């Protein structure tokens, strides 16, 4: 059974302090003397004229959706900023871990491809399916999800389903970690990906009158790091904290005085396994996989002292959030395991109810799991289901977590900020998302900063002579601001304009990030008065993946779009349309 929250009014206590006050765009504009932005009016700022959309500049391609031909207008490689950051021609991520040559060094990481199915030609009410593609928080070069001659099945392809539904499909590129600039720097450091996504939204809003689809019905879709990007984009709408970054790249709706004249809030978020709340992700991960000795049980605890020290930080952090479960009970470290257990039970029962053909192996039976082309069997020793009633009799959390950690090996300790710790300089963790563009990486958590032992990397107590607390107390320090500006938990329940509609899924077999992260996201959203429809669930027997439930997700999108009414009749905040 899917739980939907409608305007739950619980206050979100204990929110982390923001470095600057975020206000709705309408209030900010009024306070600064500028008129509130209009969704379908002309460009408010003269410098935005270079970002005008050319409605005649498209190529028509034909694809097949469910066996039927569909003509699609492809508006190619639209640079959504006026001052893009140039990239080097050679980027990492080529075959075999080598490099790849990108064709567009000028704006390939700050462009979008817009695909308009024939049913949406001239339709300014159609939703905009806004796809962010940066898995693992990696930089995402522009892609084309819709290609001529391709056949799509709308029951398995979110691309095909969006085209069939008559939605405008937008592929959005963005800078992020791993990007090499033309000058050899790393211009994708946080919050670059968020800033770029906001700039893309602003481009759509600037050109709303000229483009098919409605910028008042933007649905952001993303998985993993993309799910995290979708989440922070949805949580931080119209926050003035991003304005200086937007101004630096020539984003639409930032005037010559640095004031915002356009909105960047979105209508809905469709996020899968979001790797978010990175500043606390290591503590959550180690707590989850040590509180019931999962690392020890599965033989994956090579650094028990480090795991214990990191895990010890979780209880205080969880308490600081002041979150509550749907029944009103506090969500703390003491109640978290039972909360996760209930979510797994809800997931299993929803799966069984959805289709009479769905089954779960009995106790002693086996799960058949295919990964990387290989199928393996795992004994079910953790969940007991009554097949007659479709309900769960019992679930053993210790054995469940051991199952999760066995079918996919756990991450290292630390899991997300490992570079520089124990001499590690090759880890692919998110450490290189942070720091100045001139520095390869910077530790962004207290444990990793204080335990960095790589001399000369410019990060940590060993190089700076400062502990994490001492370093982050300095006014010149920015790494803590970087962590803040990509964390939706810091914006939900504040003056930022949170998206009103959220669909979040996190697989029950996902070992890439702790289940606590998505649970906390759900509970925080449930307490935000701006959120009107919240559909969260752990997805039964799914790994770290996304878009595995296309019919269900698309039905949800159609439902919230229908409920919102005509986007031309009123704006997202109820202001009169121009």
Protein backbone atom coordinates (compact mmCIF):
# COMPACT_ATOMS: atom_id res chain seq x y z
CA UNK A 1 0.00 0.00 0.00
CA UNK A 2 1.40 3.38 -0.99
CA UNK A 3 1.26 5.99 1.74
CA UNK A 4 0.41 9.46 0.49
CA UNK A 5 0.80 12.48 2.74
CA UNK A 6 -1.52 15.40 2.07
CA UNK A 7 -0.49 18.68 3.64
CA UNK A 8 0.77 17.13 6.86
CA UNK A 9 1.50 20.07 9.09
CA UNK A 10 4.02 18.80 11.61
CA UNK A 11 6.75 21.33 12.16
CA UNK A 12 10.27 20.25 11.26
CA UNK A 13 12.25 20.86 14.43
CA UNK A 14 15.98 21.07 14.73
CA UNK A 15 16.65 22.18 11.16
CA UNK A 16 20.27 22.89 10.45
CA UNK A 17 21.07 26.60 10.32
CA UNK A 18 21.51 28.12 6.89
CA UNK A 19 24.40 30.35 6.00
CA UNK A 20 21.99 32.86 4.50
CA UNK A 21 18.26 33.36 4.70
CA UNK A 22 16.41 31.81 1.76
CA UNK A 23 13.23 33.57 0.69
CA UNK A 24 10.64 32.89 -1.99
CA UNK A 25 11.43 34.62 -5.25
CA UNK A 26 8.27 36.70 -5.09
CA UNK A 27 9.22 38.05 -1.66
CA UNK A 28 12.82 38.62 -2.66
CA UNK A 29 11.77 40.51 -5.77
CA UNK A 30 9.39 42.69 -3.82
CA UNK A 31 11.99 43.42 -1.15
CA UNK A 32 14.58 44.42 -3.73
CA UNK A 33 12.21 46.64 -5.61
CA UNK A 34 11.83 44.32 -8.61
CA UNK A 35 8.49 43.03 -9.75
CA UNK A 36 7.79 39.33 -9.21
CA UNK A 37 8.72 37.28 -12.24
CA UNK A 38 6.08 36.31 -14.73
CA UNK A 39 6.01 32.76 -16.02
CA UNK A 40 5.11 33.58 -19.61
CA UNK A 41 6.18 37.17 -20.00
CA UNK A 42 9.13 38.61 -21.96
CA UNK A 43 12.68 38.47 -20.65
CA UNK A 44 12.98 40.67 -17.55
CA UNK A 45 16.68 41.40 -18.04
CA UNK A 46 18.33 42.61 -21.25
CA UNK A 47 21.21 40.18 -20.82
CA UNK A 48 18.76 37.28 -21.01
CA UNK A 49 18.17 37.98 -24.71
CA UNK A 50 21.14 35.78 -25.62
CA UNK A 51 19.20 32.88 -24.11
CA UNK A 52 16.14 33.24 -26.32
CA UNK A 53 14.71 29.93 -27.55
CA UNK A 54 14.47 29.46 -31.33
CA UNK A 55 11.21 27.60 -31.90
CA UNK A 56 12.07 26.94 -35.55
CA UNK A 57 15.45 25.33 -34.89
CA UNK A 58 14.62 21.65 -34.66
CA UNK A 59 15.16 18.35 -36.43
CA UNK A 60 12.26 15.96 -36.87
CA UNK A 61 13.00 12.34 -36.03
CA UNK A 62 10.75 9.31 -35.89
CA UNK A 63 10.72 6.73 -33.12
CA UNK A 64 8.40 3.85 -32.30
CA UNK A 65 6.50 3.65 -29.03
CA UNK A 66 4.58 0.45 -28.35
CA UNK A 67 4.76 -0.41 -32.04
CA UNK A 68 3.42 2.91 -33.29
CA UNK A 69 5.52 5.58 -35.04
CA UNK A 70 5.87 8.89 -33.24
CA UNK A 71 7.31 12.02 -34.79
CA UNK A 72 9.51 14.00 -32.42
CA UNK A 73 10.92 17.48 -32.75
CA UNK A 74 14.47 17.52 -31.44
CA UNK A 75 15.82 20.89 -30.33
CA UNK A 76 19.51 20.04 -30.21
CA UNK A 77 22.21 21.03 -27.79
CA UNK A 78 20.68 24.17 -26.30
CA UNK A 79 23.22 25.98 -24.14
CA UNK A 80 21.15 27.10 -21.15
CA UNK A 81 23.63 29.66 -19.77
CA UNK A 82 25.19 32.74 -21.29
CA UNK A 83 28.67 32.20 -19.82
CA UNK A 84 29.37 28.45 -19.86
CA UNK A 85 32.52 27.03 -18.32
CA UNK A 86 34.82 25.59 -20.98
CA UNK A 87 35.85 21.96 -20.58
CA UNK A 88 38.96 20.12 -21.69
CA UNK A 89 38.54 17.98 -24.80
CA UNK A 90 39.79 14.91 -22.93
CA UNK A 91 37.63 13.74 -20.06
CA UNK A 92 37.81 10.66 -17.87
CA UNK A 93 35.33 7.83 -18.23
CA UNK A 94 36.35 6.30 -21.52
CA UNK A 95 36.41 2.58 -22.36
CA UNK A 96 38.32 0.54 -19.82
CA UNK A 97 38.56 3.47 -17.44
CA UNK A 98 40.53 5.60 -19.89
CA UNK A 99 39.62 8.96 -21.35
CA UNK A 100 37.06 10.10 -23.86
CA UNK A 101 37.01 13.02 -26.27
CA UNK A 102 34.01 15.30 -26.03
CA UNK A 103 32.85 17.15 -29.18
CA UNK A 104 31.50 20.27 -27.45
CA UNK A 105 34.08 21.78 -25.10
CA UNK A 106 32.32 25.14 -24.98
CA UNK A 107 28.98 24.09 -23.45
CA UNK A 108 28.68 20.30 -23.51
CA UNK A 109 28.22 20.15 -19.74
CA UNK A 110 25.72 23.02 -19.58
CA UNK A 111 23.35 22.16 -22.39
CA UNK A 112 20.04 20.41 -22.84
CA UNK A 113 18.36 18.35 -25.52
CA UNK A 114 14.63 18.99 -25.80
CA UNK A 115 12.38 16.36 -27.39
CA UNK A 116 8.77 17.22 -28.21
CA UNK A 117 6.42 14.40 -29.30
CA UNK A 118 3.91 15.29 -31.96
CA UNK A 119 1.04 15.28 -29.48
CA UNK A 120 2.73 18.17 -27.68
CA UNK A 121 3.49 20.33 -30.72
CA UNK A 122 2.19 23.75 -29.69
CA UNK A 123 0.92 22.45 -26.33
CA UNK A 124 1.94 24.81 -23.55
CA UNK A 125 0.18 22.79 -20.90
CA UNK A 126 2.20 19.59 -21.32
CA UNK A 127 4.42 18.55 -18.40
CA UNK A 128 8.18 18.76 -18.87
CA UNK A 129 10.01 15.54 -17.95
CA UNK A 130 13.38 16.91 -16.80
CA UNK A 131 15.99 14.10 -16.71
CA UNK A 132 19.25 14.61 -14.82
CA UNK A 133 21.76 11.90 -15.60
CA UNK A 134 24.71 12.34 -13.24
CA UNK A 135 25.02 8.98 -11.48
CA UNK A 136 27.39 8.98 -8.52
CA UNK A 137 27.45 12.78 -8.49
CA UNK A 138 29.67 12.57 -11.59
CA UNK A 139 29.68 15.25 -14.27
CA UNK A 140 27.12 14.49 -16.97
CA UNK A 141 27.94 15.35 -20.57
CA UNK A 142 24.93 16.05 -22.75
CA UNK A 143 23.11 12.92 -23.89
CA UNK A 144 20.24 12.20 -26.24
CA UNK A 145 17.81 9.73 -24.67
CA UNK A 146 15.59 9.89 -27.76
CA UNK A 147 17.26 8.65 -30.94
CA UNK A 148 15.89 8.24 -34.43
CA UNK A 149 14.61 4.77 -35.30
CA UNK A 150 14.60 3.51 -31.72
CA UNK A 151 11.70 1.43 -30.44
CA UNK A 152 10.45 2.10 -26.91
CA UNK A 153 8.17 0.06 -24.68
CA UNK A 154 6.18 2.42 -22.51
CA UNK A 155 5.81 -0.18 -19.76
CA UNK A 156 9.57 -0.49 -19.25
CA UNK A 157 11.07 2.72 -20.64
CA UNK A 158 10.50 6.03 -18.88
CA UNK A 159 11.53 7.74 -22.12
CA UNK A 160 8.89 5.89 -24.13
CA UNK A 161 6.28 6.43 -21.44
CA UNK A 162 6.95 10.17 -21.32
CA UNK A 163 6.68 10.49 -25.10
CA UNK A 164 3.50 8.42 -25.17
CA UNK A 165 1.96 10.59 -22.46
CA UNK A 166 2.70 13.69 -24.53
CA UNK A 167 5.33 15.10 -22.20
CA UNK A 168 8.23 17.24 -23.36
CA UNK A 169 11.37 15.20 -22.58
CA UNK A 170 14.47 17.18 -21.61
CA UNK A 171 17.95 15.70 -21.14
CA UNK A 172 19.98 18.01 -18.92
CA UNK A 173 23.77 18.01 -18.77
CA UNK A 174 25.57 19.39 -15.73
CA UNK A 175 29.01 19.93 -14.30
CA UNK A 176 30.00 17.92 -11.27
CA UNK A 177 32.90 15.91 -9.92
CA UNK A 178 35.43 14.49 -12.34
CA UNK A 179 35.04 17.31 -14.85
CA UNK A 180 38.31 18.72 -16.19
CA UNK A 181 38.16 22.35 -17.22
CA UNK A 182 39.90 23.78 -20.26
CA UNK A 183 42.41 25.38 -17.87
CA UNK A 184 43.07 22.07 -16.12
CA UNK A 185 41.02 22.97 -13.06
CA UNK A 186 38.06 21.08 -11.60
CA UNK A 187 35.07 23.40 -12.26
CA UNK A 188 32.49 20.80 -11.24
CA UNK A 189 32.94 21.15 -7.50
CA UNK A 190 29.80 21.46 -5.39
CA UNK A 191 27.40 23.11 -5.78
CA UNK A 192 28.02 23.25 -9.58
CA UNK A 193 25.56 20.45 -10.45
CA UNK A 194 22.77 22.10 -8.48
CA UNK A 195 23.53 25.52 -9.94
CA UNK A 196 23.46 24.11 -13.46
CA UNK A 197 20.16 22.32 -12.89
CA UNK A 198 18.67 25.54 -11.54
CA UNK A 199 20.01 27.39 -14.56
CA UNK A 200 18.31 24.88 -16.86
CA UNK A 201 15.00 25.38 -15.02
CA UNK A 202 15.43 29.14 -15.36
CA UNK A 203 16.04 28.78 -19.10
CA UNK A 204 12.76 26.88 -19.43
CA UNK A 205 10.93 29.48 -17.39
CA UNK A 206 12.46 32.38 -19.34
CA UNK A 207 11.31 30.82 -22.62
CA UNK A 208 8.03 29.36 -21.40
CA UNK A 209 5.90 31.32 -23.85
CA UNK A 210 7.99 30.20 -26.83
CA UNK A 211 8.51 26.56 -25.93
CA UNK A 212 6.12 23.63 -25.98
CA UNK A 213 5.29 22.37 -22.52
CA UNK A 214 4.78 24.26 -19.27
CA UNK A 215 7.60 25.36 -16.98
CA UNK A 216 4.98 25.23 -14.23
CA UNK A 217 4.85 21.45 -14.61
CA UNK A 218 8.53 20.44 -14.48
CA UNK A 219 8.97 16.88 -13.19
CA UNK A 220 12.60 16.14 -12.27
CA UNK A 221 13.76 12.53 -12.69
CA UNK A 222 17.07 11.14 -11.46
CA UNK A 223 18.75 8.05 -10.00
CA UNK A 224 21.56 7.72 -7.44
CA UNK A 225 23.56 10.96 -7.65
CA UNK A 226 20.86 12.07 -10.08
CA UNK A 227 18.26 11.24 -7.46
CA UNK A 228 20.19 13.39 -5.02
CA UNK A 229 20.39 16.22 -7.56
CA UNK A 230 16.65 15.94 -8.19
CA UNK A 231 16.07 16.10 -4.43
CA UNK A 232 18.14 19.21 -3.74
CA UNK A 233 16.67 20.92 -6.83
CA UNK A 234 13.20 20.14 -5.51
CA UNK A 235 14.00 21.24 -1.96
CA UNK A 236 15.82 24.53 -2.58
CA UNK A 237 13.51 26.34 -4.98
CA UNK A 238 14.19 30.07 -5.28
CA UNK A 239 16.79 30.14 -2.52
CA UNK A 240 18.87 33.29 -2.82
CA UNK A 241 21.93 31.40 -1.62
CA UNK A 242 22.57 30.20 -5.17
CA UNK A 243 22.23 33.59 -6.88
CA UNK A 244 25.96 34.45 -6.92
CA UNK A 245 26.76 31.08 -8.50
CA UNK A 246 23.98 31.53 -11.06
CA UNK A 247 25.23 35.01 -11.91
CA UNK A 248 28.74 33.68 -12.51
CA UNK A 249 27.59 31.39 -15.34
CA UNK A 250 25.12 33.80 -16.90
CA UNK A 251 21.99 31.96 -15.84
CA UNK A 252 18.66 33.40 -16.90
CA UNK A 253 16.89 35.69 -14.48
CA UNK A 254 19.85 37.19 -12.63
CA UNK A 255 20.04 40.91 -13.35
CA UNK A 256 23.10 43.15 -13.51
CA UNK A 257 22.88 43.76 -9.77
CA UNK A 258 22.80 40.06 -8.97
CA UNK A 259 19.11 39.98 -8.14
CA UNK A 260 16.86 37.11 -9.17
CA UNK A 261 14.01 37.94 -11.53
CA UNK A 262 12.96 34.38 -12.36
CA UNK A 263 11.94 31.36 -10.30
CA UNK A 264 13.73 28.00 -10.21
CA UNK A 265 11.29 25.96 -8.14
CA UNK A 266 9.89 22.81 -9.74
CA UNK A 267 6.55 21.04 -9.73
CA UNK A 268 7.53 17.47 -8.88
CA UNK A 269 10.46 15.21 -8.02
CA UNK A 270 10.76 11.58 -9.15
CA UNK A 271 13.90 10.38 -7.32
CA UNK A 272 15.43 6.93 -7.03
CA UNK A 273 17.97 5.85 -4.39
CA UNK A 274 19.16 9.42 -3.77
CA UNK A 275 22.74 9.53 -2.50
CA UNK A 276 22.19 12.65 -0.50
CA UNK A 277 22.92 14.21 2.90
CA UNK A 278 26.57 13.49 2.14
CA UNK A 279 27.87 15.29 5.20
CA UNK A 280 26.22 12.64 7.36
CA UNK A 281 26.13 9.70 4.95
CA UNK A 282 29.21 7.99 6.40
CA UNK A 283 27.81 8.10 9.93
CA UNK A 284 24.47 6.71 8.73
CA UNK A 285 26.13 3.93 6.75
CA UNK A 286 28.43 2.75 9.52
CA UNK A 287 25.67 2.93 12.10
CA UNK A 288 23.31 0.83 9.96
CA UNK A 289 25.88 -1.86 9.26
CA UNK A 290 27.42 -2.04 12.73
CA UNK A 291 24.45 -1.58 15.08
CA UNK A 292 23.51 -5.25 14.52
CA UNK A 293 27.11 -6.32 13.76
CA UNK A 294 26.41 -6.73 10.04
CA UNK A 295 29.98 -5.91 9.05
CA UNK A 296 31.30 -8.51 11.49
CA UNK A 297 28.71 -11.15 10.57
CA UNK A 298 29.51 -10.88 6.87
CA UNK A 299 33.28 -10.56 7.32
CA UNK A 300 33.38 -7.01 5.98
CA UNK A 301 34.83 -5.04 8.88
CA UNK A 302 38.50 -4.44 8.10
CA UNK A 303 38.54 -1.21 10.15
CA UNK A 304 36.36 -1.89 13.21
CA UNK A 305 37.73 1.05 15.18
CA UNK A 306 37.01 3.50 12.38
CA UNK A 307 33.55 2.01 11.77
CA UNK A 308 32.66 2.35 15.45
CA UNK A 309 33.97 5.91 15.70
CA UNK A 310 32.05 7.06 12.64
CA UNK A 311 28.87 5.22 13.66
CA UNK A 312 28.95 6.89 17.07
CA UNK A 313 28.13 10.22 15.42
CA UNK A 314 24.79 9.04 14.07
CA UNK A 315 22.59 9.17 17.19
CA UNK A 316 23.26 12.85 17.88
CA UNK A 317 22.72 13.78 14.25
CA UNK A 318 19.45 11.89 14.00
CA UNK A 319 18.20 13.51 17.19
CA UNK A 320 19.12 16.96 15.88
CA UNK A 321 16.72 16.57 12.95
CA UNK A 322 13.69 16.42 15.21
CA UNK A 323 11.81 14.18 12.78
CA UNK A 324 8.72 12.11 13.50
CA UNK A 325 7.15 8.99 12.06
CA UNK A 326 3.62 9.03 10.59
CA UNK A 327 2.20 7.95 13.97
CA UNK A 328 3.76 10.99 15.63
CA UNK A 329 6.50 9.08 17.45
CA UNK A 330 10.02 10.57 17.42
CA UNK A 331 12.43 9.20 14.83
CA UNK A 332 15.72 8.62 16.63
CA UNK A 333 18.57 6.15 16.52
CA UNK A 334 16.64 4.13 19.10
CA UNK A 335 13.59 3.84 16.85
CA UNK A 336 15.26 3.79 13.44
CA UNK A 337 15.72 0.03 13.08
CA UNK A 338 12.07 -0.63 13.84
CA UNK A 339 11.12 2.15 11.42
CA UNK A 340 13.15 0.53 8.64
CA UNK A 341 11.68 -2.87 9.51
CA UNK A 342 8.16 -1.47 9.12
CA UNK A 343 9.10 0.09 5.79
CA UNK A 344 10.45 -3.24 4.50
CA UNK A 345 7.26 -4.97 5.66
CA UNK A 346 5.18 -2.32 3.89
CA UNK A 347 7.26 -2.83 0.76
CA UNK A 348 6.78 -6.60 0.77
CA UNK A 349 3.04 -6.38 1.34
CA UNK A 350 2.63 -3.72 -1.37
CA UNK A 351 4.52 -5.98 -3.78
CA UNK A 352 2.28 -8.96 -3.01
CA UNK A 353 -0.88 -6.88 -3.29
CA UNK A 354 0.10 -5.35 -6.63
CA UNK A 355 -0.13 -8.61 -8.61
CA UNK A 356 -1.47 -12.08 -7.68
CA UNK A 357 1.51 -13.54 -9.56
CA UNK A 358 3.98 -11.90 -7.21
CA UNK A 359 5.52 -14.25 -4.68
CA UNK A 360 8.16 -14.13 -1.95
CA UNK A 361 10.15 -17.28 -1.15
CA UNK A 362 9.11 -19.05 2.05
CA UNK A 363 11.54 -19.30 4.94
CA UNK A 364 14.22 -21.72 3.83
CA UNK A 365 13.48 -21.00 0.17
CA UNK A 366 15.79 -19.04 -2.07
CA UNK A 367 15.92 -15.63 -3.70
CA UNK A 368 17.26 -15.80 -7.25
CA UNK A 369 19.17 -12.59 -7.91
CA UNK A 370 20.82 -11.68 -11.18
CA UNK A 371 23.60 -9.10 -11.20
CA UNK A 372 26.18 -8.49 -13.88
CA UNK A 373 24.73 -11.29 -15.98
CA UNK A 374 25.19 -13.88 -13.23
CA UNK A 375 22.33 -15.39 -11.23
CA UNK A 376 22.96 -16.47 -7.64
CA UNK A 377 20.78 -18.05 -4.99
CA UNK A 378 20.39 -16.66 -1.46
CA UNK A 379 18.54 -18.49 1.29
CA UNK A 380 15.60 -16.63 2.75
CA UNK A 381 16.22 -16.75 6.47
CA UNK A 382 14.84 -13.32 7.31
CA UNK A 383 11.24 -12.78 6.14
CA UNK A 384 8.20 -14.98 6.76
CA UNK A 385 5.13 -14.29 4.62
CA UNK A 386 1.57 -15.58 4.92
CA UNK A 387 0.81 -16.32 1.27
CA UNK A 388 -2.93 -16.62 1.95
CA UNK A 389 -3.33 -13.12 3.35
CA UNK A 390 -0.37 -11.52 1.60
CA UNK A 391 0.99 -10.23 4.89
CA UNK A 392 4.34 -10.48 6.63
CA UNK A 393 4.38 -12.60 9.78
CA UNK A 394 7.89 -11.66 10.88
CA UNK A 395 11.09 -10.01 9.70
CA UNK A 396 14.49 -10.51 11.34
CA UNK A 397 16.42 -7.25 10.92
CA UNK A 398 19.86 -8.71 11.71
CA UNK A 399 19.45 -11.39 9.06
CA UNK A 400 17.87 -8.95 6.61
CA UNK A 401 20.82 -6.56 6.80
CA UNK A 402 23.20 -9.52 6.45
CA UNK A 403 21.31 -10.53 3.30
CA UNK A 404 21.64 -7.00 1.88
CA UNK A 405 25.36 -6.99 2.65
CA UNK A 406 25.90 -10.46 1.18
CA UNK A 407 24.12 -10.08 -2.17
CA UNK A 408 26.19 -6.90 -2.75
CA UNK A 409 29.41 -6.27 -0.84
CA UNK A 410 29.41 -3.33 1.54
CA UNK A 411 31.33 -0.17 0.78
CA UNK A 412 34.63 0.70 2.41
CA UNK A 413 34.98 2.50 5.72
CA UNK A 414 34.48 5.41 5.24
CA UNK A 415 31.93 4.81 2.51
CA UNK A 416 31.63 8.28 0.97
CA UNK A 417 34.65 10.32 2.10
CA UNK A 418 37.51 7.82 1.85
CA UNK A 419 40.11 9.63 -0.24
CA UNK A 420 43.09 10.70 1.84
CA UNK A 421 42.28 8.31 4.68
CA UNK A 422 44.68 5.44 5.38
CA UNK A 423 46.82 6.55 2.45
CA UNK A 424 43.96 6.05 -0.01
CA UNK A 425 44.32 8.25 -3.10
CA UNK A 426 42.48 6.09 -5.63
CA UNK A 427 39.03 5.68 -4.06
CA UNK A 428 36.07 6.72 -6.23
CA UNK A 429 34.15 8.14 -3.26
CA UNK A 430 32.64 11.60 -3.38
CA UNK A 431 35.63 13.36 -1.79
CA UNK A 432 36.55 15.01 -5.10
CA UNK A 433 33.16 16.74 -5.20
CA UNK A 434 34.49 19.19 -2.63
CA UNK A 435 37.22 21.76 -2.25
CA UNK A 436 38.37 24.60 -4.52
CA UNK A 437 38.61 24.06 -8.31
CA UNK A 438 42.40 24.11 -8.03
CA UNK A 439 42.50 21.17 -5.62
CA UNK A 440 41.94 17.55 -6.59
CA UNK A 441 39.83 16.74 -3.54
CA UNK A 442 39.04 17.84 0.00
CA UNK A 443 37.66 15.83 2.89
CA UNK A 444 34.23 17.06 3.87
CA UNK A 445 33.44 15.06 7.03
CA UNK A 446 34.93 15.42 10.49
CA UNK A 447 36.29 11.89 10.73
CA UNK A 448 37.99 11.86 7.34
CA UNK A 449 39.40 15.36 7.77
CA UNK A 450 40.89 14.52 11.14
CA UNK A 451 42.23 11.16 9.88
CA UNK A 452 43.63 12.30 6.54
CA UNK A 453 47.22 11.04 6.36
CA UNK A 454 48.25 11.82 2.78
CA UNK A 455 50.91 14.54 3.00
CA UNK A 456 50.67 17.49 0.65
CA UNK A 457 47.09 16.96 -0.57
CA UNK A 458 45.96 20.19 1.10
CA UNK A 459 43.25 18.46 3.07
CA UNK A 460 43.00 17.49 6.71
CA UNK A 461 44.61 18.10 10.05
CA UNK A 462 47.95 16.79 8.81
CA UNK A 463 48.35 19.53 6.18
CA UNK A 464 46.50 22.46 7.76
CA UNK A 465 47.32 21.92 11.43
CA UNK A 466 43.63 22.47 12.16
CA UNK A 467 41.01 20.02 13.34
CA UNK A 468 37.71 19.92 11.48
CA UNK A 469 36.04 22.09 14.12
CA UNK A 470 38.85 24.62 13.97
CA UNK A 471 38.93 24.66 10.17
CA UNK A 472 35.18 25.08 9.69
CA UNK A 473 35.04 27.92 12.24
CA UNK A 474 37.17 30.06 9.95
CA UNK A 475 35.16 32.52 7.87
CA UNK A 476 37.23 31.74 4.79
CA UNK A 477 36.30 28.04 4.86
CA UNK A 478 33.90 27.02 2.08
CA UNK A 479 33.78 23.22 2.18
CA UNK A 480 31.03 23.27 4.79
CA UNK A 481 29.05 25.63 2.55
CA UNK A 482 29.53 23.20 -0.33
CA UNK A 483 28.11 20.36 1.76
CA UNK A 484 25.18 22.52 2.78
CA UNK A 485 24.29 23.66 -0.74
CA UNK A 486 23.80 20.11 -2.03
CA UNK A 487 21.84 18.83 0.98
CA UNK A 488 18.03 18.90 0.68
CA UNK A 489 17.71 18.34 4.43
CA UNK A 490 19.02 21.86 4.98
CA UNK A 491 16.28 23.43 2.85
CA UNK A 492 13.16 21.34 3.47
CA UNK A 493 10.92 23.11 5.94
CA UNK A 494 12.62 26.49 5.46
CA UNK A 495 11.68 29.57 3.44
CA UNK A 496 12.87 27.90 0.23
CA UNK A 497 10.06 26.83 -2.10
CA UNK A 498 9.91 23.06 -1.81
CA UNK A 499 8.38 21.17 -4.74
CA UNK A 500 4.80 20.24 -3.82
CA UNK A 501 4.97 16.70 -5.24
CA UNK A 502 7.48 13.91 -4.45
CA UNK A 503 7.81 10.29 -5.58
CA UNK A 504 10.83 8.64 -3.91
CA UNK A 505 11.95 5.01 -4.19
CA UNK A 506 14.86 3.19 -2.55
CA UNK A 507 15.39 -0.51 -3.23
CA UNK A 508 15.25 -2.98 -0.34
CA UNK A 509 18.49 -4.56 -1.66
CA UNK A 510 20.32 -1.27 -2.09
CA UNK A 511 23.60 -1.31 -0.16
CA UNK A 512 24.97 1.86 -1.79
CA UNK A 513 23.53 4.25 0.78
CA UNK A 514 21.89 3.68 4.14
CA UNK A 515 18.13 3.25 4.27
CA UNK A 516 18.15 5.93 6.97
CA UNK A 517 18.89 8.56 4.31
CA UNK A 518 15.69 8.07 2.32
CA UNK A 519 13.64 7.55 5.49
CA UNK A 520 14.86 10.89 6.84
CA UNK A 521 14.13 12.57 3.51
CA UNK A 522 10.58 11.22 3.58
CA UNK A 523 9.90 12.28 7.17
CA UNK A 524 11.32 15.76 6.57
CA UNK A 525 9.16 16.21 3.48
CA UNK A 526 6.11 14.97 5.35
CA UNK A 527 6.63 17.79 7.87
CA UNK A 528 6.97 20.50 5.20
CA UNK A 529 3.67 22.35 4.80
CA UNK A 530 4.45 23.07 1.15
CA UNK A 531 4.43 19.37 0.23
CA UNK A 532 1.03 18.28 -1.04
CA UNK A 533 1.65 14.76 -2.31
CA UNK A 534 4.42 12.51 -0.98
CA UNK A 535 4.73 8.95 -2.24
CA UNK A 536 7.69 7.19 -0.60
CA UNK A 537 8.48 3.51 -0.40
CA UNK A 538 11.32 1.06 -0.20
CA UNK A 539 10.97 -0.77 -3.52
CA UNK A 540 10.72 -4.52 -3.04
CA UNK A 541 13.77 -6.57 -4.04
CA UNK A 542 15.30 -3.73 -6.05
CA UNK A 543 19.03 -2.92 -5.98
CA UNK A 544 20.67 0.48 -6.42
CA UNK A 545 18.78 1.41 -9.57
CA UNK A 546 15.94 3.51 -10.93
CA UNK A 547 13.01 3.65 -13.33
CA UNK A 548 12.13 0.01 -12.66
CA UNK A 549 8.49 0.91 -11.96
CA UNK A 550 7.63 2.97 -15.02
CA UNK A 551 3.83 2.38 -15.10
CA UNK A 552 3.47 3.17 -11.40
CA UNK A 553 5.67 6.27 -11.51
CA UNK A 554 4.03 7.62 -14.65
CA UNK A 555 0.56 7.05 -13.21
CA UNK A 556 1.60 9.05 -10.16
CA UNK A 557 2.91 11.89 -12.35
CA UNK A 558 -0.32 11.92 -14.34
CA UNK A 559 -2.29 12.04 -11.10
CA UNK A 560 -0.50 15.02 -9.57
CA UNK A 561 -0.58 16.86 -12.90
CA UNK A 562 -4.32 16.27 -13.16
CA UNK A 563 -4.89 17.36 -9.57
CA UNK A 564 -2.92 20.59 -10.08
CA UNK A 565 -5.20 21.72 -12.89
CA UNK A 566 -4.48 24.02 -15.81
CA UNK A 567 -0.99 25.56 -15.55
CA UNK A 568 -2.14 28.50 -17.67
CA UNK A 569 -4.91 29.35 -15.21
CA UNK A 570 -2.66 30.05 -12.24
CA UNK A 571 0.95 29.85 -11.20
CA UNK A 572 2.49 27.28 -8.85
CA UNK A 573 2.02 29.61 -5.87
CA UNK A 574 -1.46 30.71 -6.78
CA UNK A 575 -0.39 34.04 -8.29
CA UNK A 576 -2.39 35.25 -11.29
CA UNK A 577 -0.96 34.16 -14.59
CA UNK A 578 0.08 37.00 -16.92
